[in-house]
């Protein structure tokens, strides 16, 4: 097939949730089909990787998205009743490039990764497939619920409702709509009647994320994830302030390592708390996962599949997580599910005190990911679905 693939962030390197999923899709589909990729760069550091990405695909078109002007223009959406997150990614140069491609190329299918990119397909009259990944409207509505009747809560509630209208319209018109978990599919069906919606979960590179020897001295607790993402920042702030003191009361030497790019100022400030280290961007999270006794995923708001949980389990590291963090994964082995600070601290302390229990849970978690979350299986499923959508 000849595929036109759109995504809102250059999918390389695969170092955060959405980029991991889009990279594996692009890399796999480009081996099977002729794939043209249209995308944005919103982080100057990613410009260094554009050439490597270009070697994977037949054609690559990249536009620079500058966050400050994009935020300014997205505010106009307030007056139009549109979703701000969709307006943020609206750009004339990319639309013009796509119009030229649609006019000159005989694509069999157009694929939009995320609801923010789907409006670019308005100029395309052929079959289309959407990968919403998560139902973003649910995430914004959850943020609004958390913030209550505050100005920011009002803004997030408005964003969630605007996105919900858009997601419903898009899903009812597309030949195929893909989401990453059954929970997301149920959410989508709760507010619209999608033409054809299916679940294709994320996978994990189980060769890369595997048990092994770390070059770092062993430490106790680790959290991995992009630290400019609200849900991740909220999780580590809560854990460092509410859970870690309870752990250190029993184990004063316990260390909590926060690993992830672009930490917000509030997250950076956690480094002043005894026992907390904030690394910022690292070349590879695997050594940190292997060196940790326990990985924590104390997310209070979460959508989709948490790659951080799968990657830790694949490395043989047991996980202490909230139910929200497991919403897209289901009943995972190798995980202790806890909610309150007291429950989380108690679970962490039990694991720290019992190396044999940690090893057993780690082995169970590794086996679970290898059995259920290998990328090869998931991408084969996606390829079959896209081929069917192209002729539907």
Foldseek 3Di string as FASTA:
>chain_A
DEEEEEEAACLPPVAADLSVQVVLLLQVVLVVYAYEYEYEHADPVCVVCVVVSCVRHPHYHYYYQHQVVLQVQLVVCVVVLAASLLSSRDDDVSLVVVLVCLVPDDGLEYEYEALSRVVSCPSHDAAYEYENQALVLVLLQVVLVVVDPDPSSVSSPSNSVNSLVSLQVSQQPHLEYEYAFPVRVVVNVVRHDGPYYDHQHAFDALVQLAADAAPDAAAAEEEEHAQVDVQSVVQVLCCLVQQVVLLCVVVVQHAYEYEHADHDPVSVVSCVPPRYHYDHYDPDCRSVLNRYQEYEAAGPGATHADVRQLSSLSNLHAYEYEVNNCVRPPDAQRYHYDHHSVRSSVVSNVSVVDVVVRNVSSVSSSVRSVVPHHNVVSSVVVVVSRVVSSVD
